[in-house]
Amino acid sequence: MEILEVRNLNLGFQFENVFRQALYDVSFSLEKGKMLSLVGESGCGKTMSAMSILGLIPKTARITSGEIFYKGENLLKKSQKQMQNIRGSKVALIPQDPMTSLNPLYTVGDQLLEIIKLHQNLEGAEALKRAVEAFDAVQIPGAKSRLKNYPHEFSGGMKQRAIIAMALACNAEILIADEPTTALDVTIQSQIMSLLQEIKLNNNTSILLITHDLALVSENSDDIAVMYAGRIVEKAPSEEFFSNPNHPYSKALLKSLPSNTSGKLETIQGQPPTLSQEIDGCKFNPRCEYCMEICTSKVPVLENISQNHKSACWCK
């Protein structure tokens, strides 16, 4: 059952007298109790797609068309006050950098209790009990005493666990994890991913994972959506994607992984286009080794190549 669906989302930025489009007909869905990974290089539109769901886009950005449905209700038609009630309690964000996401002037417990009071309408002993339960759920040892600590007394991994606890304390049905392991070392990355997987399984929580790291999602995600230059270029169940990638960009990303079967670490030539760079046809064509004449003049449509597997490429 789909709990979240993004349909044909188009978004751009206003630069003085010029409007630059950043997202092109972005469509994807997230099922209840599943993890969808939105994958691509920095600047491809992953985070902006996620922020559109939460209604947290910059003032210079504008959604020109599209729909975002949460349990059948279009979030783009909600008022700011209505979205404030949804954010945190229904759809929660795990931000990219745990080091800067907590206020250094307040204890971690005070910040967690404030969220519980706001979204769960609990105070006193009941709120404290919920806070301790949330810390226990993310495996922070000595939960009750650690609530008294300030952010600087937490390691990077513990800060990230505390932020995840804030989402769990409000029983959010959807977690949007924006590069949740970027600032962490490899061992802690694995622990955080295992924690998200455990939360998904134990609570039937739906997770939208934003990442540039395919290696990170190979054993955790149920589905993969690959973005390039503001477009979804491939969507597939995780197992199908890793065993049978179709789009040249997806293939290039997989070849760049240290564990690729060829044993040779490859790179993708060139750079992703900027917002101001106009490219006719498929935006990947300047970097694509399979580029044909049609690729430089006509944008390929995302369509089925097999059951539940879609790709936007002329050479499929």
C-alpha atoms as a PDB file:
ATOM      1  CA  MET A   1       0.000   0.000   0.000  1.00  0.00           C
ATOM      2  CA  GLU A   2       1.396   3.405  -1.006  1.00  0.00           C
ATOM      3  CA  ILE A   3       1.636   5.842   1.883  1.00  0.00           C
ATOM      4  CA  LEU A   4       3.390   8.578  -0.125  1.00  0.00           C
ATOM      5  CA  GLU A   5       3.231   9.408  -3.816  1.00  0.00           C
ATOM      6  CA  VAL A   6       4.963  12.195  -5.714  1.00  0.00           C
ATOM      7  CA  ARG A   7       3.408  12.837  -9.139  1.00  0.00           C
ATOM      8  CA  ASN A   8       4.992  14.872 -11.930  1.00  0.00           C
ATOM      9  CA  LEU A   9       6.671  17.358  -9.610  1.00  0.00           C
ATOM     10  CA  ASN A  10       8.182  20.365 -11.393  1.00  0.00           C
ATOM     11  CA  LEU A  11      10.183  22.953  -9.466  1.00  0.00           C
ATOM     12  CA  GLY A  12      12.533  25.800 -10.288  1.00  0.00           C
ATOM     13  CA  PHE A  13      14.464  28.731  -8.858  1.00  0.00           C
ATOM     14  CA  GLN A  14      14.046  32.427  -9.521  1.00  0.00           C
ATOM     15  CA  PHE A  15      17.397  34.160 -10.131  1.00  0.00           C
ATOM     16  CA  GLU A  16      16.682  37.892 -10.454  1.00  0.00           C
ATOM     17  CA  ASN A  17      14.905  37.988 -13.849  1.00  0.00           C
ATOM     18  CA  VAL A  18      15.615  34.379 -14.841  1.00  0.00           C
ATOM     19  CA  PHE A  19      13.690  31.253 -13.798  1.00  0.00           C
ATOM     20  CA  ARG A  20      15.715  28.028 -13.913  1.00  0.00           C
ATOM     21  CA  GLN A  21      13.950  24.687 -13.719  1.00  0.00           C
ATOM     22  CA  ALA A  22      15.519  22.176 -11.324  1.00  0.00           C
ATOM     23  CA  LEU A  23      13.024  19.284 -11.158  1.00  0.00           C
ATOM     24  CA  TYR A  24      11.329  17.776 -14.203  1.00  0.00           C
ATOM     25  CA  ASP A  25       8.206  15.610 -13.768  1.00  0.00           C
ATOM     26  CA  VAL A  26       9.645  13.807 -10.744  1.00  0.00           C
ATOM     27  CA  SER A  27       7.437  10.853  -9.818  1.00  0.00           C
ATOM     28  CA  PHE A  28       7.947   8.116  -7.246  1.00  0.00           C
ATOM     29  CA  SER A  29       6.002   6.323  -4.528  1.00  0.00           C
ATOM     30  CA  LEU A  30       6.815   4.918  -1.116  1.00  0.00           C
ATOM     31  CA  GLU A  31       5.033   1.870   0.246  1.00  0.00           C
ATOM     32  CA  LYS A  32       4.083   1.330   3.866  1.00  0.00           C
ATOM     33  CA  GLY A  33       6.906  -0.340   5.770  1.00  0.00           C
ATOM     34  CA  LYS A  34       9.375  -0.103   2.866  1.00  0.00           C
ATOM     35  CA  MET A  35      12.591   1.808   2.192  1.00  0.00           C
ATOM     36  CA  LEU A  36      12.997   3.719  -1.062  1.00  0.00           C
ATOM     37  CA  SER A  37      16.449   5.107  -1.857  1.00  0.00           C
ATOM     38  CA  LEU A  38      16.658   8.221  -4.011  1.00  0.00           C
ATOM     39  CA  VAL A  39      20.162   8.048  -5.474  1.00  0.00           C
ATOM     40  CA  GLY A  40      22.325  10.412  -7.540  1.00  0.00           C
ATOM     41  CA  GLU A  41      25.242  12.812  -7.573  1.00  0.00           C
ATOM     42  CA  SER A  42      25.200  16.033  -5.542  1.00  0.00           C
ATOM     43  CA  GLY A  43      22.961  18.677  -7.094  1.00  0.00           C
ATOM     44  CA  CYS A  44      20.732  16.263  -8.997  1.00  0.00           C
ATOM     45  CA  GLY A  45      17.580  17.284  -7.088  1.00  0.00           C
ATOM     46  CA  LYS A  46      17.293  14.571  -4.423  1.00  0.00           C
ATOM     47  CA  THR A  47      17.147  16.857  -1.406  1.00  0.00           C
ATOM     48  CA  MET A  48      14.895  19.401  -3.150  1.00  0.00           C
ATOM     49  CA  SER A  49      12.430  16.595  -3.934  1.00  0.00           C
ATOM     50  CA  ALA A  50      12.420  15.597  -0.262  1.00  0.00           C
ATOM     51  CA  MET A  51      12.075  19.178   0.986  1.00  0.00           C
ATOM     52  CA  SER A  52       9.100  19.645  -1.347  1.00  0.00           C
ATOM     53  CA  ILE A  53       7.344  16.821   0.495  1.00  0.00           C
ATOM     54  CA  LEU A  54       7.893  18.609   3.804  1.00  0.00           C
ATOM     55  CA  GLY A  55       7.009  22.048   2.443  1.00  0.00           C
ATOM     56  CA  LEU A  56      10.469  23.346   3.310  1.00  0.00           C
ATOM     57  CA  ILE A  57      11.732  24.628  -0.030  1.00  0.00           C
ATOM     58  CA  PRO A  58      13.757  27.888  -0.147  1.00  0.00           C
ATOM     59  CA  LYS A  59      12.005  31.214  -0.763  1.00  0.00           C
ATOM     60  CA  THR A  60      13.614  31.448  -4.199  1.00  0.00           C
ATOM     61  CA  ALA A  61      12.170  28.067  -5.220  1.00  0.00           C
ATOM     62  CA  ARG A  62       8.718  27.567  -6.711  1.00  0.00           C
ATOM     63  CA  ILE A  63       6.746  24.423  -7.459  1.00  0.00           C
ATOM     64  CA  THR A  64       5.174  25.034 -10.865  1.00  0.00           C
ATOM     65  CA  SER A  65       3.141  21.840 -11.118  1.00  0.00           C
ATOM     66  CA  GLY A  66       2.686  18.393  -9.645  1.00  0.00           C
ATOM     67  CA  GLU A  67       1.069  16.659  -6.683  1.00  0.00           C
ATOM     68  CA  ILE A  68       2.367  15.088  -3.467  1.00  0.00           C
ATOM     69  CA  PHE A  69      -0.027  12.686  -1.769  1.00  0.00           C
ATOM     70  CA  TYR A  70       0.271  11.468   1.813  1.00  0.00           C
ATOM     71  CA  LYS A  71      -2.432   8.893   2.539  1.00  0.00           C
ATOM     72  CA  GLY A  72      -4.436  10.246  -0.381  1.00  0.00           C
ATOM     73  CA  GLU A  73      -4.257  13.914   0.676  1.00  0.00           C
ATOM     74  CA  ASN A  74      -2.383  16.400  -1.504  1.00  0.00           C
ATOM     75  CA  LEU A  75       0.235  18.061   0.712  1.00  0.00           C
ATOM     76  CA  LEU A  76       0.709  20.890  -1.782  1.00  0.00           C
ATOM     77  CA  LYS A  77      -2.810  22.085  -0.967  1.00  0.00           C
ATOM     78  CA  LYS A  78      -2.170  22.216   2.786  1.00  0.00           C
ATOM     79  CA  SER A  79      -1.649  25.501   4.624  1.00  0.00           C
ATOM     80  CA  GLN A  80       1.610  26.189   6.484  1.00  0.00           C
ATOM     81  CA  LYS A  81      -0.177  25.563   9.783  1.00  0.00           C
ATOM     82  CA  GLN A  82      -1.481  22.223   8.539  1.00  0.00           C
ATOM     83  CA  MET A  83       1.999  21.268   7.340  1.00  0.00           C
ATOM     84  CA  GLN A  84       3.447  22.150  10.749  1.00  0.00           C
ATOM     85  CA  ASN A  85       1.131  19.547  12.267  1.00  0.00           C
ATOM     86  CA  ILE A  86       2.226  16.950   9.707  1.00  0.00           C
ATOM     87  CA  ARG A  87       5.965  17.612   9.950  1.00  0.00           C
ATOM     88  CA  GLY A  88       7.447  15.681  12.829  1.00  0.00           C
ATOM     89  CA  SER A  89       4.282  13.876  13.873  1.00  0.00           C
ATOM     90  CA  LYS A  90       3.527  12.162  10.539  1.00  0.00           C
ATOM     91  CA  VAL A  91       6.535  12.816   8.303  1.00  0.00           C
ATOM     92  CA  ALA A  92       9.856  13.395  10.076  1.00  0.00           C
ATOM     93  CA  LEU A  93      13.198  14.571   8.741  1.00  0.00           C
ATOM     94  CA  ILE A  94      16.565  13.102   9.692  1.00  0.00           C
ATOM     95  CA  PRO A  95      18.838  15.904   8.463  1.00  0.00           C
ATOM     96  CA  GLN A  96      22.156  15.524   6.706  1.00  0.00           C
ATOM     97  CA  ASP A  97      24.585  16.785   9.333  1.00  0.00           C
ATOM     98  CA  PRO A  98      24.051  15.613  12.936  1.00  0.00           C
ATOM     99  CA  MET A  99      26.841  17.930  14.082  1.00  0.00           C
ATOM    100  CA  THR A 100      24.811  21.082  13.360  1.00  0.00           C
ATOM    101  CA  SER A 101      21.254  19.781  13.810  1.00  0.00           C
ATOM    102  CA  LEU A 102      21.149  20.085  17.598  1.00  0.00           C
ATOM    103  CA  ASN A 103      21.177  23.404  19.478  1.00  0.00           C
ATOM    104  CA  PRO A 104      24.404  23.515  21.538  1.00  0.00           C
ATOM    105  CA  LEU A 105      22.813  25.753  24.188  1.00  0.00           C
ATOM    106  CA  TYR A 106      20.226  23.194  25.349  1.00  0.00           C
ATOM    107  CA  THR A 107      20.511  19.635  26.586  1.00  0.00           C
ATOM    108  CA  VAL A 108      19.600  16.907  24.145  1.00  0.00           C
ATOM    109  CA  GLY A 109      16.802  15.911  26.523  1.00  0.00           C
ATOM    110  CA  ASP A 110      15.293  19.409  26.551  1.00  0.00           C
ATOM    111  CA  GLN A 111      15.223  19.432  22.761  1.00  0.00           C
ATOM    112  CA  LEU A 112      13.630  15.982  22.617  1.00  0.00           C
ATOM    113  CA  LEU A 113      11.043  16.864  25.274  1.00  0.00           C
ATOM    114  CA  GLU A 114      10.110  20.045  23.397  1.00  0.00           C
ATOM    115  CA  ILE A 115       9.281  17.995  20.306  1.00  0.00           C
ATOM    116  CA  ILE A 116       7.278  15.482  22.345  1.00  0.00           C
ATOM    117  CA  LYS A 117       5.309  18.302  23.975  1.00  0.00           C
ATOM    118  CA  LEU A 118       4.638  19.953  20.606  1.00  0.00           C
ATOM    119  CA  HIS A 119       3.581  16.879  18.633  1.00  0.00           C
ATOM    120  CA  GLN A 120       2.340  14.433  21.292  1.00  0.00           C
ATOM    121  CA  ASN A 121       0.837  16.908  23.786  1.00  0.00           C
ATOM    122  CA  LEU A 122       2.604  15.168  26.676  1.00  0.00           C
ATOM    123  CA  GLU A 123       4.283  16.808  29.655  1.00  0.00           C
ATOM    124  CA  GLY A 124       6.015  15.870  32.895  1.00  0.00           C
ATOM    125  CA  ALA A 125       6.537  12.207  33.699  1.00  0.00           C
ATOM    126  CA  GLU A 126       4.691  11.001  30.588  1.00  0.00           C
ATOM    127  CA  ALA A 127       6.906  13.075  28.294  1.00  0.00           C
ATOM    128  CA  LEU A 128      10.037  11.911  30.109  1.00  0.00           C
ATOM    129  CA  LYS A 129       8.941   8.286  29.784  1.00  0.00           C
ATOM    130  CA  ARG A 130       8.418   8.753  26.020  1.00  0.00           C
ATOM    131  CA  ALA A 131      11.866  10.377  25.703  1.00  0.00           C
ATOM    132  CA  VAL A 132      13.594   7.516  27.518  1.00  0.00           C
ATOM    133  CA  GLU A 133      11.738   4.981  25.354  1.00  0.00           C
ATOM    134  CA  ALA A 134      12.895   6.816  22.227  1.00  0.00           C
ATOM    135  CA  PHE A 135      16.542   6.788  23.381  1.00  0.00           C
ATOM    136  CA  ASP A 136      16.245   3.094  24.243  1.00  0.00           C
ATOM    137  CA  ALA A 137      14.810   2.407  20.781  1.00  0.00           C
ATOM    138  CA  VAL A 138      17.881   3.876  19.085  1.00  0.00           C
ATOM    139  CA  GLN A 139      20.212   2.014  21.448  1.00  0.00           C
ATOM    140  CA  ILE A 140      21.633   4.962  23.383  1.00  0.00           C
ATOM    141  CA  PRO A 141      22.976   3.406  26.617  1.00  0.00           C
ATOM    142  CA  GLY A 142      22.022   4.964  29.931  1.00  0.00           C
ATOM    143  CA  ALA A 143      19.116   6.720  28.247  1.00  0.00           C
ATOM    144  CA  LYS A 144      17.769   8.620  31.282  1.00  0.00           C
ATOM    145  CA  SER A 145      21.137  10.072  32.258  1.00  0.00           C
ATOM    146  CA  ARG A 146      22.129  10.891  28.662  1.00  0.00           C
ATOM    147  CA  LEU A 147      19.071  13.113  28.332  1.00  0.00           C
ATOM    148  CA  LYS A 148      20.885  15.546  30.623  1.00  0.00           C
ATOM    149  CA  ASN A 149      23.880  15.825  28.292  1.00  0.00           C
ATOM    150  CA  TYR A 150      24.580  18.697  25.906  1.00  0.00           C
ATOM    151  CA  PRO A 151      25.215  17.964  22.203  1.00  0.00           C
ATOM    152  CA  HIS A 152      28.992  18.429  22.569  1.00  0.00           C
ATOM    153  CA  GLU A 153      28.989  15.485  25.006  1.00  0.00           C
ATOM    154  CA  PHE A 154      27.655  13.183  22.251  1.00  0.00           C
ATOM    155  CA  SER A 155      29.769  11.619  19.513  1.00  0.00           C
ATOM    156  CA  GLY A 156      28.719  12.075  15.885  1.00  0.00           C
ATOM    157  CA  GLY A 157      27.023   8.687  15.842  1.00  0.00           C
ATOM    158  CA  MET A 158      25.207   9.393  19.099  1.00  0.00           C
ATOM    159  CA  LYS A 159      24.017  12.764  17.778  1.00  0.00           C
ATOM    160  CA  GLN A 160      22.528  11.006  14.762  1.00  0.00           C
ATOM    161  CA  ARG A 161      20.847   8.432  17.001  1.00  0.00           C
ATOM    162  CA  ALA A 162      19.390  11.281  19.091  1.00  0.00           C
ATOM    163  CA  ILE A 163      17.953  12.913  15.976  1.00  0.00           C
ATOM    164  CA  ILE A 164      16.416   9.598  14.900  1.00  0.00           C
ATOM    165  CA  ALA A 165      14.989   9.279  18.420  1.00  0.00           C
ATOM    166  CA  MET A 166      13.243  12.633  17.964  1.00  0.00           C
ATOM    167  CA  ALA A 167      11.453  11.241  14.919  1.00  0.00           C
ATOM    168  CA  LEU A 168      10.527   8.011  16.717  1.00  0.00           C
ATOM    169  CA  ALA A 169       9.225   9.820  19.812  1.00  0.00           C
ATOM    170  CA  CYS A 170       6.423  11.310  17.713  1.00  0.00           C
ATOM    171  CA  ASN A 171       5.541   8.005  16.033  1.00  0.00           C
ATOM    172  CA  ALA A 172       6.184   9.390  12.551  1.00  0.00           C
ATOM    173  CA  GLU A 173       4.947   7.041   9.845  1.00  0.00           C
ATOM    174  CA  ILE A 174       7.504   8.290   7.310  1.00  0.00           C
ATOM    175  CA  LEU A 175      11.161   9.079   7.915  1.00  0.00           C
ATOM    176  CA  ILE A 176      12.972  11.168   5.327  1.00  0.00           C
ATOM    177  CA  ALA A 177      16.676  10.482   5.892  1.00  0.00           C
ATOM    178  CA  ASP A 178      18.766  13.026   3.987  1.00  0.00           C
ATOM    179  CA  GLU A 179      22.302  11.619   3.663  1.00  0.00           C
ATOM    180  CA  PRO A 180      22.087  10.434   7.307  1.00  0.00           C
ATOM    181  CA  THR A 181      25.597   8.949   7.361  1.00  0.00           C
ATOM    182  CA  THR A 182      27.588  11.588   5.455  1.00  0.00           C
ATOM    183  CA  ALA A 183      29.586  12.948   8.408  1.00  0.00           C
ATOM    184  CA  LEU A 184      30.166   9.559  10.045  1.00  0.00           C
ATOM    185  CA  ASP A 185      32.938   6.988   9.736  1.00  0.00           C
ATOM    186  CA  VAL A 186      32.341   3.689   7.959  1.00  0.00           C
ATOM    187  CA  THR A 187      31.658   1.629  11.088  1.00  0.00           C
ATOM    188  CA  ILE A 188      29.102   4.122  12.416  1.00  0.00           C
ATOM    189  CA  GLN A 189      27.522   4.382   8.949  1.00  0.00           C
ATOM    190  CA  SER A 190      26.821   0.659   9.056  1.00  0.00           C
ATOM    191  CA  GLN A 191      25.347   0.937  12.552  1.00  0.00           C
ATOM    192  CA  ILE A 192      23.010   3.792  11.541  1.00  0.00           C
ATOM    193  CA  MET A 193      21.823   1.897   8.457  1.00  0.00           C
ATOM    194  CA  SER A 194      21.203  -1.205  10.584  1.00  0.00           C
ATOM    195  CA  LEU A 195      19.241   0.957  13.030  1.00  0.00           C
ATOM    196  CA  LEU A 196      17.061   2.385  10.249  1.00  0.00           C
ATOM    197  CA  GLN A 197      16.440  -1.138   8.963  1.00  0.00           C
ATOM    198  CA  GLU A 198      15.447  -2.270  12.460  1.00  0.00           C
ATOM    199  CA  ILE A 199      13.071   0.689  12.862  1.00  0.00           C
ATOM    200  CA  LYS A 200      11.495  -0.116   9.499  1.00  0.00           C
ATOM    201  CA  LEU A 201      10.913  -3.756  10.426  1.00  0.00           C
ATOM    202  CA  ASN A 202       9.835  -3.269  14.054  1.00  0.00           C
ATOM    203  CA  ASN A 203       7.582  -0.230  13.577  1.00  0.00           C
ATOM    204  CA  ASN A 204       6.455  -0.783   9.972  1.00  0.00           C
ATOM    205  CA  THR A 205       7.916   2.670   9.279  1.00  0.00           C
ATOM    206  CA  SER A 206       8.334   3.898   5.705  1.00  0.00           C
ATOM    207  CA  ILE A 207      11.731   5.418   4.913  1.00  0.00           C
ATOM    208  CA  LEU A 208      12.790   7.677   2.059  1.00  0.00           C
ATOM    209  CA  LEU A 209      16.585   7.569   2.018  1.00  0.00           C
ATOM    210  CA  ILE A 210      18.410  10.339   0.153  1.00  0.00           C
ATOM    211  CA  THR A 211      21.962   9.304  -0.733  1.00  0.00           C
ATOM    212  CA  HIS A 212      24.736   9.414  -3.327  1.00  0.00           C
ATOM    213  CA  ASP A 213      26.185   6.122  -2.038  1.00  0.00           C
ATOM    214  CA  LEU A 214      24.842   3.038  -3.817  1.00  0.00           C
ATOM    215  CA  ALA A 215      27.019   0.759  -1.702  1.00  0.00           C
ATOM    216  CA  LEU A 216      25.186   2.005   1.377  1.00  0.00           C
ATOM    217  CA  VAL A 217      21.745   1.003   0.096  1.00  0.00           C
ATOM    218  CA  SER A 218      22.446  -2.308  -1.622  1.00  0.00           C
ATOM    219  CA  GLU A 219      21.547  -4.418   1.422  1.00  0.00           C
ATOM    220  CA  ASN A 220      18.928  -2.145   2.971  1.00  0.00           C
ATOM    221  CA  SER A 221      16.606  -0.641   0.360  1.00  0.00           C
ATOM    222  CA  ASP A 222      13.520  -2.294  -1.059  1.00  0.00           C
ATOM    223  CA  ASP A 223      13.415  -0.002  -4.086  1.00  0.00           C
ATOM    224  CA  ILE A 224      15.815   2.326  -5.916  1.00  0.00           C
ATOM    225  CA  ALA A 225      15.087   5.530  -7.850  1.00  0.00           C
ATOM    226  CA  VAL A 226      18.043   7.099  -9.669  1.00  0.00           C
ATOM    227  CA  MET A 227      18.062  10.857 -10.348  1.00  0.00           C
ATOM    228  CA  TYR A 228      20.143  12.791 -12.835  1.00  0.00           C
ATOM    229  CA  ALA A 229      19.911  16.538 -13.491  1.00  0.00           C
ATOM    230  CA  GLY A 230      16.445  16.870 -11.962  1.00  0.00           C
ATOM    231  CA  ARG A 231      14.875  13.787 -13.543  1.00  0.00           C
ATOM    232  CA  ILE A 232      14.203  10.231 -12.417  1.00  0.00           C
ATOM    233  CA  VAL A 233      16.069   8.126 -14.987  1.00  0.00           C
ATOM    234  CA  GLU A 234      15.530   4.658 -13.534  1.00  0.00           C
ATOM    235  CA  LYS A 235      13.287   2.978 -10.948  1.00  0.00           C
ATOM    236  CA  ALA A 236      13.367  -0.659  -9.898  1.00  0.00           C
ATOM    237  CA  PRO A 237      13.192  -3.052  -6.951  1.00  0.00           C
ATOM    238  CA  SER A 238      16.613  -3.143  -5.322  1.00  0.00           C
ATOM    239  CA  GLU A 239      17.502  -6.709  -6.284  1.00  0.00           C
ATOM    240  CA  GLU A 240      16.484  -6.118  -9.913  1.00  0.00           C
ATOM    241  CA  PHE A 241      18.392  -2.837 -10.060  1.00  0.00           C
ATOM    242  CA  PHE A 242      21.675  -4.228  -8.819  1.00  0.00           C
ATOM    243  CA  SER A 243      21.473  -7.378 -10.957  1.00  0.00           C
ATOM    244  CA  ASN A 244      20.149  -5.746 -14.130  1.00  0.00           C
ATOM    245  CA  PRO A 245      20.686  -1.959 -14.311  1.00  0.00           C
ATOM    246  CA  ASN A 246      19.442  -0.421 -17.549  1.00  0.00           C
ATOM    247  CA  HIS A 247      20.211   3.286 -17.765  1.00  0.00           C
ATOM    248  CA  PRO A 248      23.812   4.160 -18.742  1.00  0.00           C
ATOM    249  CA  TYR A 249      24.051   6.485 -15.741  1.00  0.00           C
ATOM    250  CA  SER A 250      23.003   3.678 -13.380  1.00  0.00           C
ATOM    251  CA  LYS A 251      25.558   1.359 -14.965  1.00  0.00           C
ATOM    252  CA  ALA A 252      28.261   3.991 -14.603  1.00  0.00           C
ATOM    253  CA  LEU A 253      27.397   4.530 -10.922  1.00  0.00           C
ATOM    254  CA  LEU A 254      27.643   0.810 -10.236  1.00  0.00           C
ATOM    255  CA  LYS A 255      30.950   0.527 -12.073  1.00  0.00           C
ATOM    256  CA  SER A 256      32.353   3.267  -9.847  1.00  0.00           C
ATOM    257  CA  LEU A 257      31.790   1.159  -6.714  1.00  0.00           C
ATOM    258  CA  PRO A 258      34.941  -0.411  -5.225  1.00  0.00           C
ATOM    259  CA  SER A 259      33.162  -3.774  -5.091  1.00  0.00           C
ATOM    260  CA  ASN A 260      32.130  -3.908  -8.769  1.00  0.00           C
ATOM    261  CA  THR A 261      32.707  -7.325 -10.337  1.00  0.00           C
ATOM    262  CA  SER A 262      35.245  -6.131 -12.890  1.00  0.00           C
ATOM    263  CA  GLY A 263      37.688  -5.411 -10.080  1.00  0.00           C
ATOM    264  CA  LYS A 264      38.487  -2.085 -11.732  1.00  0.00           C
ATOM    265  CA  LEU A 265      37.457   1.208 -10.157  1.00  0.00           C
ATOM    266  CA  GLU A 266      35.948   3.383 -12.887  1.00  0.00           C
ATOM    267  CA  THR A 267      34.863   7.011 -12.952  1.00  0.00           C
ATOM    268  CA  ILE A 268      32.116   8.847 -14.822  1.00  0.00           C
ATOM    269  CA  GLN A 269      33.721  11.261 -17.250  1.00  0.00           C
ATOM    270  CA  GLY A 270      32.655  14.913 -17.186  1.00  0.00           C
ATOM    271  CA  GLN A 271      30.483  16.799 -14.714  1.00  0.00           C
ATOM    272  CA  PRO A 272      26.713  16.980 -14.088  1.00  0.00           C
ATOM    273  CA  PRO A 273      25.117  20.015 -15.760  1.00  0.00           C
ATOM    274  CA  THR A 274      24.437  23.187 -13.788  1.00  0.00           C
ATOM    275  CA  LEU A 275      20.998  24.806 -13.641  1.00  0.00           C
ATOM    276  CA  SER A 276      22.065  27.410 -16.192  1.00  0.00           C
ATOM    277  CA  GLN A 277      23.489  24.863 -18.634  1.00  0.00           C
ATOM    278  CA  GLU A 278      21.051  24.033 -21.431  1.00  0.00           C
ATOM    279  CA  ILE A 279      21.348  20.535 -22.900  1.00  0.00           C
ATOM    280  CA  ASP A 280      18.958  19.329 -25.588  1.00  0.00           C
ATOM    281  CA  GLY A 281      17.571  15.814 -25.351  1.00  0.00           C
ATOM    282  CA  CYS A 282      18.794  13.528 -22.581  1.00  0.00           C
ATOM    283  CA  LYS A 283      20.857  15.583 -20.117  1.00  0.00           C
ATOM    284  CA  PHE A 284      23.247  12.673 -19.640  1.00  0.00           C
ATOM    285  CA  ASN A 285      24.182  12.576 -23.351  1.00  0.00           C
ATOM    286  CA  PRO A 286      27.476  14.569 -23.030  1.00  0.00           C
ATOM    287  CA  ARG A 287      28.795  11.924 -20.604  1.00  0.00           C
ATOM    288  CA  CYS A 288      27.191   8.825 -22.131  1.00  0.00           C
ATOM    289  CA  GLU A 289      29.267   6.269 -24.029  1.00  0.00           C
ATOM    290  CA  TYR A 290      26.108   4.961 -25.746  1.00  0.00           C
ATOM    291  CA  CYS A 291      24.917   8.372 -26.999  1.00  0.00           C
ATOM    292  CA  MET A 292      22.995   8.309 -30.307  1.00  0.00           C
ATOM    293  CA  GLU A 293      21.679  11.128 -32.469  1.00  0.00           C
ATOM    294  CA  ILE A 294      18.185  10.984 -30.945  1.00  0.00           C
ATOM    295  CA  CYS A 295      19.710  11.378 -27.460  1.00  0.00           C
ATOM    296  CA  THR A 296      20.883  14.902 -28.346  1.00  0.00           C
ATOM    297  CA  SER A 297      17.476  16.131 -29.522  1.00  0.00           C
ATOM    298  CA  LYS A 298      14.670  14.308 -27.704  1.00  0.00           C
ATOM    299  CA  VAL A 299      14.115  13.672 -23.992  1.00  0.00           C
ATOM    300  CA  PRO A 300      13.481   9.952 -23.304  1.00  0.00           C
ATOM    301  CA  VAL A 301      10.354   8.997 -21.368  1.00  0.00           C
ATOM    302  CA  LEU A 302      10.487   6.930 -18.186  1.00  0.00           C
ATOM    303  CA  GLU A 303       8.696   3.729 -19.182  1.00  0.00           C
ATOM    304  CA  ASN A 304       8.527   0.040 -18.317  1.00  0.00           C
ATOM    305  CA  ILE A 305      11.281  -2.250 -19.554  1.00  0.00           C
ATOM    306  CA  SER A 306       9.996  -5.121 -17.398  1.00  0.00           C
ATOM    307  CA  GLN A 307       7.598  -5.591 -14.500  1.00  0.00           C
ATOM    308  CA  ASN A 308       8.199  -2.848 -11.888  1.00  0.00           C
ATOM    309  CA  HIS A 309      11.369  -1.720 -13.693  1.00  0.00           C
ATOM    310  CA  LYS A 310      11.369   1.616 -15.519  1.00  0.00           C
ATOM    311  CA  SER A 311      14.079   3.438 -17.412  1.00  0.00           C
ATOM    312  CA  ALA A 312      14.352   6.684 -19.413  1.00  0.00           C
ATOM    313  CA  CYS A 313      16.790   5.839 -22.192  1.00  0.00           C
ATOM    314  CA  TRP A 314      16.617   5.568 -25.985  1.00  0.00           C
ATOM    315  CA  CYS A 315      19.050   2.655 -26.159  1.00  0.00           C
ATOM    316  CA  LYS A 316      17.232   0.323 -23.767  1.00  0.00           C
END
